[in-house]
């Protein structure tokens, strides 16, 4: 039986030091928010059909929840969710946006006849004062890769704790992360193997480095070779900041077809459970594509699995120390079959 050694190909301390250096260079908060001043950013959001449709349906198919209510849109962008809320009969809608794109949003709100129903306020949600004591509904399209990358749920959490009335509604109100195993040799070869002979030169050090980077991709259904497991479930109405800042969850995956596993895939779903008809927005490979795609965590070495083999492990996630908008992952996994006997293989990833 072959022994799959439990050893890091890179010095993990060195990798973390490089990550810290990159965080100092790339982690400036102003540069993050500056991207939201560009129309292209909002174009990609509004053209994400499945995402926008879910929020629209939450309002327009549940007018009984919205009628005569006060609605707060956190990070309102160009104001489309504000207009959905006004269309659904809200008494008034407040949209808060940090960036200068709010000037265009004000023009859009006026042009579409919602100026008397929608008030837009520029500033950080944590600093803004609303002209009401409480709001009945909070809406926000805050999701990032693996849910919390980008840190855009933080202002939503602050708004919930300060402004949401008792018994209030959040759109969405539930969130979860899932993991599965995939065969993805083509991408693995392009990210790792290609560097071994890049234009006649050995640059494999870059291939090894790329193994620590989470890669976003759309995946074919037939690439999935295991079942799926939930790694995180969050009630957005009650969760605490520390629950999303750092978490550690076990998983077990069972192989459904004999194949090599090249990567773990993660994806998320959010739900609108307070609606009359529950709305489920999922970004998995079995669902219609969204701009979020799926998050790929490539194994140091691919492993051959037979049907029925199991992989057991844990996913640990915490915010990066230097740039809290980034996430640091550790995946620990073990498996045993007639080809391998591996125990607690540790891989670190950065998103």
C-alpha atoms as a PDB file:
ATOM      1  CA  UNK A   1       0.000   0.000   0.000  1.00  0.00           C
ATOM      2  CA  UNK A   2       1.391   3.348  -1.001  1.00  0.00           C
ATOM      3  CA  UNK A   3       2.020   5.823   1.767  1.00  0.00           C
ATOM      4  CA  UNK A   4       0.863   9.358   1.012  1.00  0.00           C
ATOM      5  CA  UNK A   5       3.221  11.407   3.169  1.00  0.00           C
ATOM      6  CA  UNK A   6       1.714  14.020   5.392  1.00  0.00           C
ATOM      7  CA  UNK A   7       4.199  16.802   4.709  1.00  0.00           C
ATOM      8  CA  UNK A   8       3.952  20.329   3.301  1.00  0.00           C
ATOM      9  CA  UNK A   9       5.801  20.963   0.069  1.00  0.00           C
ATOM     10  CA  UNK A  10       6.276  24.561   1.137  1.00  0.00           C
ATOM     11  CA  UNK A  11       7.298  25.971   4.466  1.00  0.00           C
ATOM     12  CA  UNK A  12       3.922  27.091   5.820  1.00  0.00           C
ATOM     13  CA  UNK A  13       5.502  29.806   7.907  1.00  0.00           C
ATOM     14  CA  UNK A  14       7.116  31.207   4.765  1.00  0.00           C
ATOM     15  CA  UNK A  15       3.810  31.091   2.925  1.00  0.00           C
ATOM     16  CA  UNK A  16       2.068  32.956   5.732  1.00  0.00           C
ATOM     17  CA  UNK A  17       4.829  35.579   5.768  1.00  0.00           C
ATOM     18  CA  UNK A  18       4.391  36.111   2.017  1.00  0.00           C
ATOM     19  CA  UNK A  19       0.649  36.362   2.547  1.00  0.00           C
ATOM     20  CA  UNK A  20       1.147  39.032   5.207  1.00  0.00           C
ATOM     21  CA  UNK A  21       3.388  41.023   2.844  1.00  0.00           C
ATOM     22  CA  UNK A  22       0.826  40.778   0.042  1.00  0.00           C
ATOM     23  CA  UNK A  23      -1.893  41.854   2.452  1.00  0.00           C
ATOM     24  CA  UNK A  24      -0.024  45.043   3.273  1.00  0.00           C
ATOM     25  CA  UNK A  25       0.325  45.856  -0.414  1.00  0.00           C
ATOM     26  CA  UNK A  26      -3.153  44.880  -1.545  1.00  0.00           C
ATOM     27  CA  UNK A  27      -5.335  45.171   1.517  1.00  0.00           C
ATOM     28  CA  UNK A  28      -6.078  48.881   1.507  1.00  0.00           C
ATOM     29  CA  UNK A  29      -9.736  49.393   2.384  1.00  0.00           C
ATOM     30  CA  UNK A  30     -10.074  52.498   0.227  1.00  0.00           C
ATOM     31  CA  UNK A  31      -8.971  50.601  -2.889  1.00  0.00           C
ATOM     32  CA  UNK A  32     -11.585  47.929  -2.172  1.00  0.00           C
ATOM     33  CA  UNK A  33     -14.417  50.433  -1.975  1.00  0.00           C
ATOM     34  CA  UNK A  34     -13.066  52.444  -4.901  1.00  0.00           C
ATOM     35  CA  UNK A  35     -13.933  49.547  -7.206  1.00  0.00           C
ATOM     36  CA  UNK A  36     -17.601  50.094  -6.344  1.00  0.00           C
ATOM     37  CA  UNK A  37     -17.427  53.571  -7.870  1.00  0.00           C
ATOM     38  CA  UNK A  38     -17.032  52.019 -11.327  1.00  0.00           C
ATOM     39  CA  UNK A  39     -20.128  51.280 -13.374  1.00  0.00           C
ATOM     40  CA  UNK A  40     -18.610  47.986 -14.528  1.00  0.00           C
ATOM     41  CA  UNK A  41     -18.819  46.597 -11.008  1.00  0.00           C
ATOM     42  CA  UNK A  42     -22.530  47.366 -10.827  1.00  0.00           C
ATOM     43  CA  UNK A  43     -23.106  46.118 -14.341  1.00  0.00           C
ATOM     44  CA  UNK A  44     -21.822  42.678 -13.339  1.00  0.00           C
ATOM     45  CA  UNK A  45     -24.139  42.721 -10.318  1.00  0.00           C
ATOM     46  CA  UNK A  46     -27.262  43.748 -12.232  1.00  0.00           C
ATOM     47  CA  UNK A  47     -26.601  41.278 -15.045  1.00  0.00           C
ATOM     48  CA  UNK A  48     -26.353  38.400 -12.562  1.00  0.00           C
ATOM     49  CA  UNK A  49     -29.834  37.190 -13.425  1.00  0.00           C
ATOM     50  CA  UNK A  50     -30.287  34.500 -10.784  1.00  0.00           C
ATOM     51  CA  UNK A  51     -29.158  36.740  -7.934  1.00  0.00           C
ATOM     52  CA  UNK A  52     -31.191  39.813  -8.903  1.00  0.00           C
ATOM     53  CA  UNK A  53     -34.244  37.671  -9.682  1.00  0.00           C
ATOM     54  CA  UNK A  54     -34.131  36.148  -6.196  1.00  0.00           C
ATOM     55  CA  UNK A  55     -34.193  39.569  -4.532  1.00  0.00           C
ATOM     56  CA  UNK A  56     -36.878  40.859  -6.893  1.00  0.00           C
ATOM     57  CA  UNK A  57     -39.097  37.862  -6.172  1.00  0.00           C
ATOM     58  CA  UNK A  58     -38.565  38.280  -2.430  1.00  0.00           C
ATOM     59  CA  UNK A  59     -40.164  41.730  -2.692  1.00  0.00           C
ATOM     60  CA  UNK A  60     -42.669  41.496  -5.517  1.00  0.00           C
ATOM     61  CA  UNK A  61     -44.020  38.061  -4.590  1.00  0.00           C
ATOM     62  CA  UNK A  62     -44.358  39.008  -0.913  1.00  0.00           C
ATOM     63  CA  UNK A  63     -46.032  42.386  -0.976  1.00  0.00           C
ATOM     64  CA  UNK A  64     -47.968  41.442   2.161  1.00  0.00           C
ATOM     65  CA  UNK A  65     -44.651  41.495   4.058  1.00  0.00           C
ATOM     66  CA  UNK A  66     -43.512  44.811   2.572  1.00  0.00           C
ATOM     67  CA  UNK A  67     -46.658  46.937   2.403  1.00  0.00           C
ATOM     68  CA  UNK A  68     -46.411  50.046   4.615  1.00  0.00           C
ATOM     69  CA  UNK A  69     -43.056  48.884   6.061  1.00  0.00           C
ATOM     70  CA  UNK A  70     -39.796  50.776   6.463  1.00  0.00           C
ATOM     71  CA  UNK A  71     -37.006  49.124   4.442  1.00  0.00           C
ATOM     72  CA  UNK A  72     -33.232  49.599   4.722  1.00  0.00           C
ATOM     73  CA  UNK A  73     -30.934  48.605   1.857  1.00  0.00           C
ATOM     74  CA  UNK A  74     -27.329  48.245   3.058  1.00  0.00           C
ATOM     75  CA  UNK A  75     -24.858  48.943   0.250  1.00  0.00           C
ATOM     76  CA  UNK A  76     -27.573  49.992  -2.183  1.00  0.00           C
ATOM     77  CA  UNK A  77     -25.328  50.569  -5.217  1.00  0.00           C
ATOM     78  CA  UNK A  78     -27.480  51.844  -8.079  1.00  0.00           C
ATOM     79  CA  UNK A  79     -30.659  51.366  -6.046  1.00  0.00           C
ATOM     80  CA  UNK A  80     -32.375  48.469  -7.810  1.00  0.00           C
ATOM     81  CA  UNK A  81     -33.315  46.734  -4.537  1.00  0.00           C
ATOM     82  CA  UNK A  82     -34.656  50.037  -3.203  1.00  0.00           C
ATOM     83  CA  UNK A  83     -36.916  50.291  -6.239  1.00  0.00           C
ATOM     84  CA  UNK A  84     -38.112  46.687  -5.831  1.00  0.00           C
ATOM     85  CA  UNK A  85     -39.068  47.507  -2.224  1.00  0.00           C
ATOM     86  CA  UNK A  86     -40.902  50.667  -3.286  1.00  0.00           C
ATOM     87  CA  UNK A  87     -42.728  48.729  -6.017  1.00  0.00           C
ATOM     88  CA  UNK A  88     -43.834  46.212  -3.389  1.00  0.00           C
ATOM     89  CA  UNK A  89     -45.538  48.942  -1.364  1.00  0.00           C
ATOM     90  CA  UNK A  90     -43.000  49.943   1.283  1.00  0.00           C
ATOM     91  CA  UNK A  91     -43.919  53.072   3.213  1.00  0.00           C
ATOM     92  CA  UNK A  92     -40.374  54.328   2.730  1.00  0.00           C
ATOM     93  CA  UNK A  93     -37.006  52.918   1.706  1.00  0.00           C
ATOM     94  CA  UNK A  94     -33.590  54.086   2.909  1.00  0.00           C
ATOM     95  CA  UNK A  95     -30.568  53.109   0.853  1.00  0.00           C
ATOM     96  CA  UNK A  96     -27.095  53.531   2.316  1.00  0.00           C
ATOM     97  CA  UNK A  97     -24.067  53.554   0.022  1.00  0.00           C
ATOM     98  CA  UNK A  98     -20.488  54.496   0.840  1.00  0.00           C
ATOM     99  CA  UNK A  99     -19.203  55.291  -2.644  1.00  0.00           C
ATOM    100  CA  UNK A 100     -19.813  58.140  -5.080  1.00  0.00           C
ATOM    101  CA  UNK A 101     -21.929  55.893  -7.304  1.00  0.00           C
ATOM    102  CA  UNK A 102     -24.795  57.067  -5.082  1.00  0.00           C
ATOM    103  CA  UNK A 103     -25.004  60.251  -7.173  1.00  0.00           C
ATOM    104  CA  UNK A 104     -25.975  58.159 -10.203  1.00  0.00           C
ATOM    105  CA  UNK A 105     -28.340  56.132  -8.039  1.00  0.00           C
ATOM    106  CA  UNK A 106     -30.154  59.323  -7.006  1.00  0.00           C
ATOM    107  CA  UNK A 107     -30.650  60.220 -10.664  1.00  0.00           C
ATOM    108  CA  UNK A 108     -31.971  56.729 -11.374  1.00  0.00           C
ATOM    109  CA  UNK A 109     -34.383  56.845  -8.440  1.00  0.00           C
ATOM    110  CA  UNK A 110     -35.733  60.211  -9.602  1.00  0.00           C
ATOM    111  CA  UNK A 111     -35.931  59.177 -13.259  1.00  0.00           C
ATOM    112  CA  UNK A 112     -38.008  56.108 -12.334  1.00  0.00           C
ATOM    113  CA  UNK A 113     -40.462  58.042 -10.180  1.00  0.00           C
ATOM    114  CA  UNK A 114     -39.424  56.823  -6.734  1.00  0.00           C
ATOM    115  CA  UNK A 115     -37.993  60.059  -5.290  1.00  0.00           C
ATOM    116  CA  UNK A 116     -40.858  60.388  -2.802  1.00  0.00           C
ATOM    117  CA  UNK A 117     -40.464  56.793  -1.587  1.00  0.00           C
ATOM    118  CA  UNK A 118     -36.694  56.290  -1.579  1.00  0.00           C
ATOM    119  CA  UNK A 119     -34.062  58.266   0.322  1.00  0.00           C
ATOM    120  CA  UNK A 120     -30.402  57.575  -0.385  1.00  0.00           C
ATOM    121  CA  UNK A 121     -27.739  58.350   2.210  1.00  0.00           C
ATOM    122  CA  UNK A 122     -24.002  58.358   1.535  1.00  0.00           C
ATOM    123  CA  UNK A 123     -21.666  57.019   4.223  1.00  0.00           C
ATOM    124  CA  UNK A 124     -20.498  53.963   6.142  1.00  0.00           C
ATOM    125  CA  UNK A 125     -23.460  52.026   7.498  1.00  0.00           C
ATOM    126  CA  UNK A 126     -21.747  51.917  10.878  1.00  0.00           C
ATOM    127  CA  UNK A 127     -21.674  55.755  11.009  1.00  0.00           C
ATOM    128  CA  UNK A 128     -24.980  56.691   9.369  1.00  0.00           C
ATOM    129  CA  UNK A 129     -27.941  57.969  11.367  1.00  0.00           C
ATOM    130  CA  UNK A 130     -31.374  57.240   9.916  1.00  0.00           C
ATOM    131  CA  UNK A 131     -34.335  59.605  10.388  1.00  0.00           C
ATOM    132  CA  UNK A 132     -36.368  56.763  11.930  1.00  0.00           C
ATOM    133  CA  UNK A 133     -36.057  54.814  15.169  1.00  0.00           C
ATOM    134  CA  UNK A 134     -36.218  51.349  13.592  1.00  0.00           C
ATOM    135  CA  UNK A 135     -36.716  49.622  10.247  1.00  0.00           C
ATOM    136  CA  UNK A 136     -38.917  46.619   9.542  1.00  0.00           C
ATOM    137  CA  UNK A 137     -36.867  44.998   6.758  1.00  0.00           C
ATOM    138  CA  UNK A 138     -33.151  44.967   5.997  1.00  0.00           C
ATOM    139  CA  UNK A 139     -32.036  43.881   2.542  1.00  0.00           C
ATOM    140  CA  UNK A 140     -28.519  43.589   1.161  1.00  0.00           C
ATOM    141  CA  UNK A 141     -26.732  41.746  -1.614  1.00  0.00           C
ATOM    142  CA  UNK A 142     -23.599  41.299   0.496  1.00  0.00           C
ATOM    143  CA  UNK A 143     -22.390  37.829  -0.504  1.00  0.00           C
ATOM    144  CA  UNK A 144     -18.791  37.222  -1.554  1.00  0.00           C
ATOM    145  CA  UNK A 145     -16.828  34.132  -2.508  1.00  0.00           C
ATOM    146  CA  UNK A 146     -17.317  31.435   0.147  1.00  0.00           C
ATOM    147  CA  UNK A 147     -19.980  33.793   1.555  1.00  0.00           C
ATOM    148  CA  UNK A 148     -17.904  36.163   3.656  1.00  0.00           C
ATOM    149  CA  UNK A 149     -14.940  37.086   1.460  1.00  0.00           C
ATOM    150  CA  UNK A 150     -14.895  40.861   1.054  1.00  0.00           C
ATOM    151  CA  UNK A 151     -16.331  41.539   4.505  1.00  0.00           C
ATOM    152  CA  UNK A 152     -19.512  43.065   3.123  1.00  0.00           C
ATOM    153  CA  UNK A 153     -21.713  41.362   5.694  1.00  0.00           C
ATOM    154  CA  UNK A 154     -20.119  43.406   8.502  1.00  0.00           C
ATOM    155  CA  UNK A 155     -22.164  46.573   7.835  1.00  0.00           C
ATOM    156  CA  UNK A 156     -25.302  44.436   7.484  1.00  0.00           C
ATOM    157  CA  UNK A 157     -24.641  42.969  10.915  1.00  0.00           C
ATOM    158  CA  UNK A 158     -24.104  46.453  12.334  1.00  0.00           C
ATOM    159  CA  UNK A 159     -27.353  47.642  10.754  1.00  0.00           C
ATOM    160  CA  UNK A 160     -29.268  44.646  12.108  1.00  0.00           C
ATOM    161  CA  UNK A 161     -28.091  45.196  15.665  1.00  0.00           C
ATOM    162  CA  UNK A 162     -28.807  48.919  15.625  1.00  0.00           C
ATOM    163  CA  UNK A 163     -31.792  49.437  13.362  1.00  0.00           C
ATOM    164  CA  UNK A 164     -33.866  46.266  12.891  1.00  0.00           C
ATOM    165  CA  UNK A 165     -37.124  46.276  14.854  1.00  0.00           C
ATOM    166  CA  UNK A 166     -38.049  43.318  17.028  1.00  0.00           C
ATOM    167  CA  UNK A 167     -39.618  40.676  14.816  1.00  0.00           C
ATOM    168  CA  UNK A 168     -38.103  42.321  11.748  1.00  0.00           C
ATOM    169  CA  UNK A 169     -37.228  40.653   8.451  1.00  0.00           C
ATOM    170  CA  UNK A 170     -33.904  40.183   6.675  1.00  0.00           C
ATOM    171  CA  UNK A 171     -33.540  39.441   2.951  1.00  0.00           C
ATOM    172  CA  UNK A 172     -31.838  36.930   2.939  1.00  0.00           C
ATOM    173  CA  UNK A 173     -32.025  35.458   6.455  1.00  0.00           C
ATOM    174  CA  UNK A 174     -30.142  32.131   6.163  1.00  0.00           C
ATOM    175  CA  UNK A 175     -26.755  31.264   4.638  1.00  0.00           C
ATOM    176  CA  UNK A 176     -24.655  28.125   4.246  1.00  0.00           C
ATOM    177  CA  UNK A 177     -21.411  26.858   2.703  1.00  0.00           C
ATOM    178  CA  UNK A 178     -21.045  23.432   1.081  1.00  0.00           C
ATOM    179  CA  UNK A 179     -18.108  21.283  -0.014  1.00  0.00           C
ATOM    180  CA  UNK A 180     -17.655  18.394  -2.456  1.00  0.00           C
ATOM    181  CA  UNK A 181     -14.841  16.639  -4.302  1.00  0.00           C
ATOM    182  CA  UNK A 182     -14.228  17.131  -8.030  1.00  0.00           C
ATOM    183  CA  UNK A 183     -12.204  15.790 -10.909  1.00  0.00           C
ATOM    184  CA  UNK A 184     -10.660  18.840 -12.578  1.00  0.00           C
ATOM    185  CA  UNK A 185      -7.484  17.675 -14.274  1.00  0.00           C
ATOM    186  CA  UNK A 186      -7.499  20.358 -16.967  1.00  0.00           C
ATOM    187  CA  UNK A 187      -7.409  23.259 -14.529  1.00  0.00           C
ATOM    188  CA  UNK A 188      -4.980  21.460 -12.235  1.00  0.00           C
ATOM    189  CA  UNK A 189      -2.583  20.929 -15.137  1.00  0.00           C
ATOM    190  CA  UNK A 190      -2.924  24.566 -16.201  1.00  0.00           C
ATOM    191  CA  UNK A 191      -2.346  25.905 -12.663  1.00  0.00           C
ATOM    192  CA  UNK A 192       0.304  23.474 -11.437  1.00  0.00           C
ATOM    193  CA  UNK A 193       1.797  21.152 -14.037  1.00  0.00           C
ATOM    194  CA  UNK A 194       2.264  23.788 -16.745  1.00  0.00           C
ATOM    195  CA  UNK A 195       4.827  25.644 -14.652  1.00  0.00           C
ATOM    196  CA  UNK A 196       7.178  22.666 -14.677  1.00  0.00           C
ATOM    197  CA  UNK A 197       8.093  23.499 -18.280  1.00  0.00           C
ATOM    198  CA  UNK A 198       7.118  27.114 -18.944  1.00  0.00           C
ATOM    199  CA  UNK A 199       8.670  28.037 -22.286  1.00  0.00           C
ATOM    200  CA  UNK A 200      11.462  25.559 -21.675  1.00  0.00           C
ATOM    201  CA  UNK A 201      12.166  26.669 -18.087  1.00  0.00           C
ATOM    202  CA  UNK A 202      11.356  25.079 -14.738  1.00  0.00           C
ATOM    203  CA  UNK A 203       9.050  27.510 -12.905  1.00  0.00           C
ATOM    204  CA  UNK A 204       7.416  24.865 -10.729  1.00  0.00           C
ATOM    205  CA  UNK A 205       7.872  27.091  -7.677  1.00  0.00           C
ATOM    206  CA  UNK A 206       4.962  29.161  -9.039  1.00  0.00           C
ATOM    207  CA  UNK A 207       2.844  26.055  -9.475  1.00  0.00           C
ATOM    208  CA  UNK A 208       3.438  25.164  -5.849  1.00  0.00           C
ATOM    209  CA  UNK A 209       2.548  28.681  -4.776  1.00  0.00           C
ATOM    210  CA  UNK A 210      -0.704  28.561  -6.750  1.00  0.00           C
ATOM    211  CA  UNK A 211      -1.801  25.574  -4.660  1.00  0.00           C
ATOM    212  CA  UNK A 212      -2.352  27.999  -1.793  1.00  0.00           C
ATOM    213  CA  UNK A 213      -4.645  30.226  -3.841  1.00  0.00           C
ATOM    214  CA  UNK A 214      -8.387  29.661  -4.066  1.00  0.00           C
ATOM    215  CA  UNK A 215      -9.418  29.622  -7.715  1.00  0.00           C
ATOM    216  CA  UNK A 216     -12.879  30.612  -8.985  1.00  0.00           C
ATOM    217  CA  UNK A 217     -14.330  28.472 -11.729  1.00  0.00           C
ATOM    218  CA  UNK A 218     -17.535  27.215 -13.336  1.00  0.00           C
ATOM    219  CA  UNK A 219     -17.554  23.431 -13.083  1.00  0.00           C
ATOM    220  CA  UNK A 220     -19.142  20.728 -15.175  1.00  0.00           C
ATOM    221  CA  UNK A 221     -21.668  18.548 -13.374  1.00  0.00           C
ATOM    222  CA  UNK A 222     -19.861  15.403 -14.486  1.00  0.00           C
ATOM    223  CA  UNK A 223     -16.708  16.590 -12.678  1.00  0.00           C
ATOM    224  CA  UNK A 224     -18.358  16.019  -9.290  1.00  0.00           C
ATOM    225  CA  UNK A 225     -17.199  12.691  -7.860  1.00  0.00           C
ATOM    226  CA  UNK A 226     -18.488  12.814  -4.258  1.00  0.00           C
ATOM    227  CA  UNK A 227     -21.619  13.739  -2.407  1.00  0.00           C
ATOM    228  CA  UNK A 228     -21.954  17.176  -0.808  1.00  0.00           C
ATOM    229  CA  UNK A 229     -21.536  18.231   2.820  1.00  0.00           C
ATOM    230  CA  UNK A 230     -22.486  21.417   4.634  1.00  0.00           C
ATOM    231  CA  UNK A 231     -19.505  23.094   6.276  1.00  0.00           C
ATOM    232  CA  UNK A 232     -21.224  26.170   7.682  1.00  0.00           C
ATOM    233  CA  UNK A 233     -24.785  27.226   8.445  1.00  0.00           C
ATOM    234  CA  UNK A 234     -25.637  30.736   9.634  1.00  0.00           C
ATOM    235  CA  UNK A 235     -28.871  32.297  10.850  1.00  0.00           C
ATOM    236  CA  UNK A 236     -28.391  35.899   9.763  1.00  0.00           C
ATOM    237  CA  UNK A 237     -31.050  37.141  12.183  1.00  0.00           C
ATOM    238  CA  UNK A 238     -29.202  35.909  15.256  1.00  0.00           C
ATOM    239  CA  UNK A 239     -25.540  35.260  14.360  1.00  0.00           C
ATOM    240  CA  UNK A 240     -22.689  37.034  16.137  1.00  0.00           C
ATOM    241  CA  UNK A 241     -19.646  38.651  14.548  1.00  0.00           C
ATOM    242  CA  UNK A 242     -17.294  36.040  15.995  1.00  0.00           C
ATOM    243  CA  UNK A 243     -19.244  33.246  14.291  1.00  0.00           C
ATOM    244  CA  UNK A 244     -18.287  34.538  10.857  1.00  0.00           C
ATOM    245  CA  UNK A 245     -14.835  35.881  11.745  1.00  0.00           C
ATOM    246  CA  UNK A 246     -13.548  32.394  12.519  1.00  0.00           C
ATOM    247  CA  UNK A 247     -15.101  28.963  12.191  1.00  0.00           C
ATOM    248  CA  UNK A 248     -14.015  25.318  12.201  1.00  0.00           C
ATOM    249  CA  UNK A 249     -16.341  22.608  10.883  1.00  0.00           C
ATOM    250  CA  UNK A 250     -15.964  18.878  10.123  1.00  0.00           C
ATOM    251  CA  UNK A 251     -17.011  17.215   6.873  1.00  0.00           C
ATOM    252  CA  UNK A 252     -17.257  13.726   5.392  1.00  0.00           C
ATOM    253  CA  UNK A 253     -17.489  13.037   1.666  1.00  0.00           C
ATOM    254  CA  UNK A 254     -18.311   9.712   0.022  1.00  0.00           C
ATOM    255  CA  UNK A 255     -17.091   8.976  -3.489  1.00  0.00           C
ATOM    256  CA  UNK A 256     -19.956   8.354  -5.919  1.00  0.00           C
ATOM    257  CA  UNK A 257     -17.891   7.289  -8.948  1.00  0.00           C
ATOM    258  CA  UNK A 258     -14.366   5.921  -9.323  1.00  0.00           C
ATOM    259  CA  UNK A 259     -12.057   8.768 -10.294  1.00  0.00           C
ATOM    260  CA  UNK A 260      -9.182  10.989  -9.231  1.00  0.00           C
ATOM    261  CA  UNK A 261     -10.033  13.866  -6.945  1.00  0.00           C
ATOM    262  CA  UNK A 262      -8.088  16.987  -7.866  1.00  0.00           C
ATOM    263  CA  UNK A 263      -9.804  19.565  -5.710  1.00  0.00           C
ATOM    264  CA  UNK A 264     -12.368  20.361  -3.076  1.00  0.00           C
ATOM    265  CA  UNK A 265     -15.076  22.655  -4.355  1.00  0.00           C
ATOM    266  CA  UNK A 266     -16.951  25.077  -2.111  1.00  0.00           C
ATOM    267  CA  UNK A 267     -20.084  27.028  -2.919  1.00  0.00           C
ATOM    268  CA  UNK A 268     -22.779  28.794  -0.951  1.00  0.00           C
ATOM    269  CA  UNK A 269     -26.503  29.271  -0.764  1.00  0.00           C
ATOM    270  CA  UNK A 270     -28.632  31.945   0.847  1.00  0.00           C
ATOM    271  CA  UNK A 271     -32.320  31.586   1.645  1.00  0.00           C
ATOM    272  CA  UNK A 272     -35.271  33.891   2.095  1.00  0.00           C
ATOM    273  CA  UNK A 273     -37.201  31.744   4.552  1.00  0.00           C
ATOM    274  CA  UNK A 274     -39.523  34.490   5.810  1.00  0.00           C
ATOM    275  CA  UNK A 275     -41.188  34.716   2.420  1.00  0.00           C
ATOM    276  CA  UNK A 276     -44.571  33.127   1.733  1.00  0.00           C
ATOM    277  CA  UNK A 277     -42.779  30.798  -0.690  1.00  0.00           C
ATOM    278  CA  UNK A 278     -39.220  30.067   0.413  1.00  0.00           C
ATOM    279  CA  UNK A 279     -36.571  31.362  -2.008  1.00  0.00           C
ATOM    280  CA  UNK A 280     -33.288  29.475  -2.311  1.00  0.00           C
ATOM    281  CA  UNK A 281     -30.361  31.086  -4.147  1.00  0.00           C
ATOM    282  CA  UNK A 282     -27.598  28.506  -4.603  1.00  0.00           C
ATOM    283  CA  UNK A 283     -24.278  28.947  -6.413  1.00  0.00           C
ATOM    284  CA  UNK A 284     -23.421  25.260  -6.780  1.00  0.00           C
ATOM    285  CA  UNK A 285     -22.508  23.450 -10.012  1.00  0.00           C
ATOM    286  CA  UNK A 286     -25.995  21.924 -10.223  1.00  0.00           C
ATOM    287  CA  UNK A 287     -27.596  25.362 -10.247  1.00  0.00           C
ATOM    288  CA  UNK A 288     -27.815  28.101 -12.843  1.00  0.00           C
ATOM    289  CA  UNK A 289     -24.529  30.040 -12.996  1.00  0.00           C
ATOM    290  CA  UNK A 290     -23.962  33.263 -11.080  1.00  0.00           C
ATOM    291  CA  UNK A 291     -21.029  35.654 -11.022  1.00  0.00           C
ATOM    292  CA  UNK A 292     -19.905  33.980  -7.768  1.00  0.00           C
ATOM    293  CA  UNK A 293     -18.991  30.754  -9.600  1.00  0.00           C
ATOM    294  CA  UNK A 294     -17.505  28.025  -7.346  1.00  0.00           C
ATOM    295  CA  UNK A 295     -14.397  28.206  -5.159  1.00  0.00           C
ATOM    296  CA  UNK A 296     -11.727  25.610  -5.907  1.00  0.00           C
ATOM    297  CA  UNK A 297      -9.185  24.315  -3.380  1.00  0.00           C
ATOM    298  CA  UNK A 298      -6.675  22.157  -5.267  1.00  0.00           C
ATOM    299  CA  UNK A 299      -5.012  19.208  -3.582  1.00  0.00           C
ATOM    300  CA  UNK A 300      -1.257  19.049  -3.330  1.00  0.00           C
ATOM    301  CA  UNK A 301      -1.468  15.712  -5.143  1.00  0.00           C
ATOM    302  CA  UNK A 302      -4.551  14.153  -6.792  1.00  0.00           C
ATOM    303  CA  UNK A 303      -5.889  11.001  -5.124  1.00  0.00           C
ATOM    304  CA  UNK A 304      -7.605   8.039  -6.730  1.00  0.00           C
ATOM    305  CA  UNK A 305     -10.920   7.103  -5.124  1.00  0.00           C
ATOM    306  CA  UNK A 306     -13.184   4.167  -5.736  1.00  0.00           C
ATOM    307  CA  UNK A 307     -16.931   4.312  -5.323  1.00  0.00           C
ATOM    308  CA  UNK A 308     -17.797   4.210  -1.627  1.00  0.00           C
ATOM    309  CA  UNK A 309     -14.427   5.535  -0.396  1.00  0.00           C
ATOM    310  CA  UNK A 310     -14.724   8.327   2.143  1.00  0.00           C
ATOM    311  CA  UNK A 311     -12.712  11.428   2.894  1.00  0.00           C
ATOM    312  CA  UNK A 312     -13.005  12.881   6.369  1.00  0.00           C
ATOM    313  CA  UNK A 313     -11.744  16.277   7.314  1.00  0.00           C
ATOM    314  CA  UNK A 314     -12.233  19.761   8.695  1.00  0.00           C
ATOM    315  CA  UNK A 315     -12.466  23.208   7.166  1.00  0.00           C
ATOM    316  CA  UNK A 316     -11.072  26.038   9.251  1.00  0.00           C
ATOM    317  CA  UNK A 317     -11.589  29.621   8.166  1.00  0.00           C
ATOM    318  CA  UNK A 318     -10.572  32.908   9.710  1.00  0.00           C
ATOM    319  CA  UNK A 319     -10.048  36.459   8.584  1.00  0.00           C
ATOM    320  CA  UNK A 320      -6.613  37.463   7.442  1.00  0.00           C
ATOM    321  CA  UNK A 321      -4.775  39.412  10.141  1.00  0.00           C
ATOM    322  CA  UNK A 322      -3.543  42.165   7.843  1.00  0.00           C
ATOM    323  CA  UNK A 323      -6.516  42.458   5.486  1.00  0.00           C
ATOM    324  CA  UNK A 324      -9.720  41.340   7.209  1.00  0.00           C
ATOM    325  CA  UNK A 325     -11.570  41.376   3.873  1.00  0.00           C
ATOM    326  CA  UNK A 326      -9.532  38.306   2.903  1.00  0.00           C
ATOM    327  CA  UNK A 327     -10.010  34.805   4.269  1.00  0.00           C
ATOM    328  CA  UNK A 328      -7.418  32.231   5.325  1.00  0.00           C
ATOM    329  CA  UNK A 329      -8.463  28.585   5.036  1.00  0.00           C
ATOM    330  CA  UNK A 330      -6.973  25.390   6.405  1.00  0.00           C
ATOM    331  CA  UNK A 331      -8.332  22.079   5.111  1.00  0.00           C
ATOM    332  CA  UNK A 332      -7.285  18.952   6.993  1.00  0.00           C
ATOM    333  CA  UNK A 333      -8.262  15.623   5.453  1.00  0.00           C
ATOM    334  CA  UNK A 334      -7.752  11.887   5.888  1.00  0.00           C
ATOM    335  CA  UNK A 335      -8.633   8.825   3.832  1.00  0.00           C
ATOM    336  CA  UNK A 336      -7.841   5.146   3.550  1.00  0.00           C
ATOM    337  CA  UNK A 337      -8.256   2.699   0.670  1.00  0.00           C
ATOM    338  CA  UNK A 338      -6.146   0.043  -1.030  1.00  0.00           C
ATOM    339  CA  UNK A 339      -4.083   2.732  -2.764  1.00  0.00           C
ATOM    340  CA  UNK A 340      -3.485   5.254   0.005  1.00  0.00           C
ATOM    341  CA  UNK A 341      -3.268   5.530   3.750  1.00  0.00           C
ATOM    342  CA  UNK A 342      -3.198   9.208   4.631  1.00  0.00           C
ATOM    343  CA  UNK A 343      -3.881  10.896   7.919  1.00  0.00           C
ATOM    344  CA  UNK A 344      -4.456  14.578   8.653  1.00  0.00           C
ATOM    345  CA  UNK A 345      -2.978  16.094   5.515  1.00  0.00           C
ATOM    346  CA  UNK A 346      -2.890  19.859   6.063  1.00  0.00           C
ATOM    347  CA  UNK A 347      -3.228  22.425   3.291  1.00  0.00           C
ATOM    348  CA  UNK A 348      -3.516  26.180   3.653  1.00  0.00           C
ATOM    349  CA  UNK A 349      -5.356  28.392   1.216  1.00  0.00           C
ATOM    350  CA  UNK A 350      -5.832  32.123   0.855  1.00  0.00           C
ATOM    351  CA  UNK A 351      -8.833  33.913  -0.583  1.00  0.00           C
END
